[in-house]
Amino acid sequence: MEIRTVLFDLDGTLIDHLKAIHRSYCHTLPQLGYPEPTFEQVRRAIGGGLENAMRKFVPEERLQEGLAIYRPYWDRTMLDDPELMPGGRELLEWLNGRGVVCGVFTNKHGPSGRKLCEHLGVAPLLRGVFGAKDTPWVKPQPEFAAHAMRELGAEAGSTLMLGDSPFDVEAARNGGFVDCWCVTTGTHDERELREAGATEVFPGLPEILARLRSRSRNEGSVTV
């Protein structure tokens, strides 16, 4: 099937921002009387948006207090050390060169996602960055996928989702996308992703680029 639009999850898929996220939790939780979380604890918590991740560390009655500490620190430090995942720029450039519309579809705070993409120099390769707080919805709600499709002028039936978590697989299914291809550079391993319904799981973005290049040579267009 020909692909005309590719949506990228952000954290764990297109960018590595885990150091900044971990640092922000280590800043926040001790001020609430909780121990600093490990890197692995934070890695396993993220994926469903900040509020849902924070709930894994603090009770509901202290959630807003925690967010009030986390968010200003995050705003000050979020650009300290983000990195593009290996192969990210190359994949975006290759897709753009073939006329494929690219966007980011994330549960990360939308304004933060746009700042990061500008900072990392990939904003010109993206038609849009859609994140938490941009709409009333988050992944995997189908309304969020429909919003992204409308803004991009795209059709779900020719859209491929690239992600790293069951949220991405479910979002692709709920949104009517062609498929969700997953990478193991983020929050979940291959077994977890396949159990969630991912039909293709790759070690990283370079392997996705290699697959798409191969199919493009054989089919004459970007296909899955």
Protein backbone atom coordinates (compact mmCIF):
# COMPACT_ATOMS: atom_id res chain seq x y z
CA MET A 1 0.00 0.00 0.00
CA GLU A 2 1.35 3.42 -0.94
CA ILE A 3 2.19 5.69 1.96
CA ARG A 4 1.64 9.44 1.57
CA THR A 5 1.94 10.47 5.25
CA VAL A 6 4.21 9.29 8.06
CA LEU A 7 3.58 10.29 11.68
CA PHE A 8 6.44 9.98 14.16
CA ASP A 9 6.10 9.58 17.88
CA LEU A 10 8.66 11.83 19.58
CA ASP A 11 10.26 10.48 22.79
CA GLY A 12 11.94 7.16 22.21
CA THR A 13 11.20 7.18 18.48
CA LEU A 14 12.47 10.36 16.81
CA ILE A 15 14.36 11.87 19.75
CA ASP A 16 16.16 10.75 22.89
CA HIS A 17 15.07 13.12 25.65
CA LEU A 18 15.12 10.72 28.55
CA LYS A 19 17.99 12.39 30.40
CA ALA A 20 16.02 15.63 30.65
CA ILE A 21 12.85 13.83 31.74
CA HIS A 22 14.71 11.84 34.39
CA ARG A 23 16.45 14.98 35.63
CA SER A 24 13.09 16.74 36.00
CA TYR A 25 11.64 13.91 38.08
CA CYS A 26 14.76 13.88 40.25
CA HIS A 27 14.23 17.60 40.81
CA THR A 28 10.51 17.22 41.58
CA LEU A 29 9.95 14.11 43.67
CA PRO A 30 12.34 14.86 46.58
CA GLN A 31 10.56 18.19 47.08
CA LEU A 32 7.38 16.16 47.67
CA GLY A 33 9.14 13.84 50.10
CA TYR A 34 9.65 10.95 47.66
CA PRO A 35 12.98 9.40 46.61
CA GLU A 36 14.62 10.20 43.31
CA PRO A 37 13.46 7.65 40.72
CA THR A 38 15.88 5.52 38.79
CA PHE A 39 16.46 6.07 35.10
CA GLU A 40 14.65 2.80 34.39
CA GLN A 41 11.64 3.73 36.54
CA VAL A 42 11.19 6.94 34.56
CA ARG A 43 11.70 5.17 31.24
CA ARG A 44 8.95 2.70 32.09
CA ALA A 45 6.56 5.42 33.31
CA ILE A 46 6.47 7.68 30.27
CA GLY A 47 4.39 7.36 27.12
CA GLY A 48 0.90 8.38 28.18
CA GLY A 49 1.56 12.07 28.79
CA LEU A 50 3.04 13.88 31.77
CA GLU A 51 0.01 13.63 34.07
CA ASN A 52 -0.30 9.86 33.61
CA ALA A 53 3.43 9.38 34.11
CA MET A 54 3.47 11.53 37.26
CA ARG A 55 0.63 9.44 38.70
CA LYS A 56 3.01 6.48 38.79
CA PHE A 57 5.13 8.33 41.36
CA VAL A 58 2.69 10.43 43.41
CA PRO A 59 -0.89 9.95 44.67
CA GLU A 60 -3.69 11.77 42.89
CA GLU A 61 -4.09 14.33 45.66
CA ARG A 62 -0.51 15.52 45.14
CA LEU A 63 -0.50 15.44 41.35
CA GLN A 64 -1.07 19.17 40.79
CA GLU A 65 1.57 20.02 43.39
CA GLY A 66 4.05 17.82 41.56
CA LEU A 67 3.19 19.30 38.18
CA ALA A 68 3.66 22.82 39.56
CA ILE A 69 7.24 21.92 40.50
CA TYR A 70 8.04 19.87 37.41
CA ARG A 71 6.82 22.19 34.66
CA PRO A 72 8.85 25.36 35.42
CA TYR A 73 12.03 23.30 35.86
CA TRP A 74 11.29 21.45 32.63
CA ASP A 75 10.80 24.72 30.76
CA ARG A 76 14.21 25.94 31.97
CA THR A 77 16.16 22.77 31.20
CA MET A 78 14.41 20.87 28.40
CA LEU A 79 16.81 22.06 25.69
CA ASP A 80 19.97 21.16 27.61
CA ASP A 81 20.64 17.75 26.06
CA PRO A 82 18.07 16.37 23.59
CA GLU A 83 19.37 14.27 20.70
CA LEU A 84 17.88 12.97 17.50
CA MET A 85 17.73 9.20 17.39
CA PRO A 86 20.27 7.69 14.98
CA GLY A 87 18.85 7.74 11.48
CA GLY A 88 16.11 10.23 12.30
CA ARG A 89 17.25 13.07 10.08
CA GLU A 90 18.15 10.71 7.25
CA LEU A 91 14.70 9.09 7.34
CA LEU A 92 12.92 12.45 7.39
CA GLU A 93 15.01 13.75 4.50
CA TRP A 94 14.43 10.61 2.46
CA LEU A 95 10.67 10.74 2.98
CA ASN A 96 10.51 14.44 2.18
CA GLY A 97 12.50 13.83 -0.98
CA ARG A 98 9.78 11.45 -2.14
CA GLY A 99 6.94 13.81 -1.39
CA VAL A 100 5.76 12.04 1.76
CA VAL A 101 4.19 14.37 4.32
CA CYS A 102 5.85 13.97 7.73
CA GLY A 103 4.52 15.01 11.11
CA VAL A 104 5.00 14.39 14.82
CA PHE A 105 2.14 12.80 16.74
CA THR A 106 3.02 12.67 20.41
CA ASN A 107 1.72 12.73 23.96
CA LYS A 108 4.54 15.08 24.85
CA HIS A 109 3.46 18.66 25.63
CA GLY A 110 2.80 20.17 22.21
CA PRO A 111 4.68 23.47 22.69
CA SER A 112 7.65 21.54 24.10
CA GLY A 113 7.61 19.24 21.10
CA ARG A 114 7.68 22.14 18.66
CA LYS A 115 10.55 23.83 20.54
CA LEU A 116 12.52 20.60 20.47
CA CYS A 117 12.01 20.06 16.75
CA GLU A 118 13.13 23.63 16.07
CA HIS A 119 16.13 23.21 18.37
CA LEU A 120 17.18 19.96 16.69
CA GLY A 121 16.77 21.43 13.21
CA VAL A 122 14.09 19.07 11.92
CA ALA A 123 11.11 21.46 11.99
CA PRO A 124 11.51 22.29 8.25
CA LEU A 125 11.08 18.57 7.50
CA LEU A 126 7.79 18.37 9.42
CA ARG A 127 4.40 19.60 8.24
CA GLY A 128 3.09 19.67 11.80
CA VAL A 129 3.80 18.74 15.43
CA PHE A 130 0.74 17.61 17.38
CA GLY A 131 1.02 17.03 21.12
CA ALA A 132 -0.63 17.10 24.52
CA LYS A 133 -2.59 20.25 25.36
CA ASP A 134 -2.94 21.18 21.67
CA THR A 135 -6.39 19.58 21.76
CA PRO A 136 -8.61 18.03 24.45
CA TRP A 137 -7.31 14.61 23.36
CA VAL A 138 -4.17 12.47 23.56
CA LYS A 139 -3.12 9.16 22.02
CA PRO A 140 -4.75 6.71 21.62
CA GLN A 141 -8.02 8.65 21.37
CA PRO A 142 -9.28 8.56 17.77
CA GLU A 143 -10.27 12.25 17.90
CA PHE A 144 -6.60 13.19 18.25
CA ALA A 145 -5.69 11.18 15.15
CA ALA A 146 -8.58 12.74 13.23
CA HIS A 147 -7.37 16.21 14.26
CA ALA A 148 -3.86 15.50 12.94
CA MET A 149 -5.29 14.20 9.65
CA ARG A 150 -7.41 17.32 9.19
CA GLU A 151 -4.51 19.67 9.95
CA LEU A 152 -2.21 17.84 7.54
CA GLY A 153 -4.82 17.42 4.84
CA ALA A 154 -4.00 13.72 4.97
CA GLU A 155 -5.95 10.49 4.73
CA ALA A 156 -5.71 7.86 7.46
CA GLY A 157 -5.78 5.10 4.86
CA SER A 158 -2.42 6.17 3.46
CA THR A 159 -0.75 7.05 6.80
CA LEU A 160 1.96 5.05 8.59
CA MET A 161 2.64 5.54 12.31
CA LEU A 162 6.17 5.10 13.66
CA GLY A 163 6.33 4.65 17.44
CA ASP A 164 7.83 2.85 20.40
CA SER A 165 4.91 1.97 22.67
CA PRO A 166 1.51 0.27 22.85
CA PHE A 167 -0.01 3.79 22.93
CA ASP A 168 1.26 4.25 19.37
CA VAL A 169 -0.06 0.89 18.18
CA GLU A 170 -3.48 1.59 19.65
CA ALA A 171 -3.50 5.15 18.30
CA ALA A 172 -2.78 3.85 14.80
CA ARG A 173 -5.54 1.25 15.10
CA ASN A 174 -8.07 3.73 16.48
CA GLY A 175 -7.12 6.31 13.87
CA GLY A 176 -7.55 3.92 10.95
CA PHE A 177 -3.91 4.19 9.88
CA VAL A 178 -2.39 1.64 7.53
CA ASP A 179 -0.08 0.29 10.22
CA CYS A 180 2.19 1.13 13.14
CA TRP A 181 5.83 0.15 12.83
CA CYS A 182 7.66 0.21 16.14
CA VAL A 183 11.24 0.63 17.30
CA THR A 184 12.82 -0.73 20.47
CA THR A 185 14.78 2.46 21.19
CA GLY A 186 12.14 3.71 23.62
CA THR A 187 10.00 2.35 26.40
CA HIS A 188 9.14 -1.21 25.31
CA ASP A 189 10.88 -4.31 23.98
CA GLU A 190 9.95 -6.37 20.92
CA ARG A 191 7.82 -8.88 22.82
CA GLU A 192 5.73 -6.15 24.45
CA LEU A 193 5.26 -4.33 21.16
CA ARG A 194 4.21 -7.45 19.27
CA GLU A 195 1.81 -8.40 22.05
CA ALA A 196 0.30 -4.91 21.69
CA GLY A 197 -0.30 -5.59 18.00
CA ALA A 198 2.71 -4.13 16.19
CA THR A 199 3.22 -6.07 12.97
CA GLU A 200 6.74 -4.77 12.36
CA VAL A 201 9.35 -4.11 15.07
CA PHE A 202 12.79 -2.71 14.28
CA PRO A 203 15.94 -2.04 16.34
CA GLY A 204 15.86 1.60 15.22
CA LEU A 205 15.12 4.11 12.49
CA PRO A 206 18.04 3.12 10.20
CA GLU A 207 16.41 -0.28 9.76
CA ILE A 208 13.08 1.34 8.91
CA LEU A 209 14.78 3.50 6.30
CA ALA A 210 16.46 0.42 4.82
CA ARG A 211 13.10 -1.38 4.59
CA LEU A 212 11.36 1.57 2.95
CA ARG A 213 14.23 2.12 0.51
CA SER A 214 14.08 -1.52 -0.53
CA ARG A 215 10.35 -1.44 -1.09
CA SER A 216 10.59 1.89 -2.92
CA ARG A 217 13.10 0.39 -5.36
CA ASN A 218 10.84 -2.57 -5.96
CA GLU A 219 7.50 -0.77 -6.09
CA GLY A 220 8.46 2.67 -7.39
CA SER A 221 6.78 4.43 -4.44
CA VAL A 222 6.91 4.41 -0.63
CA THR A 223 4.93 1.34 0.39
CA VAL A 224 4.30 -0.89 3.40
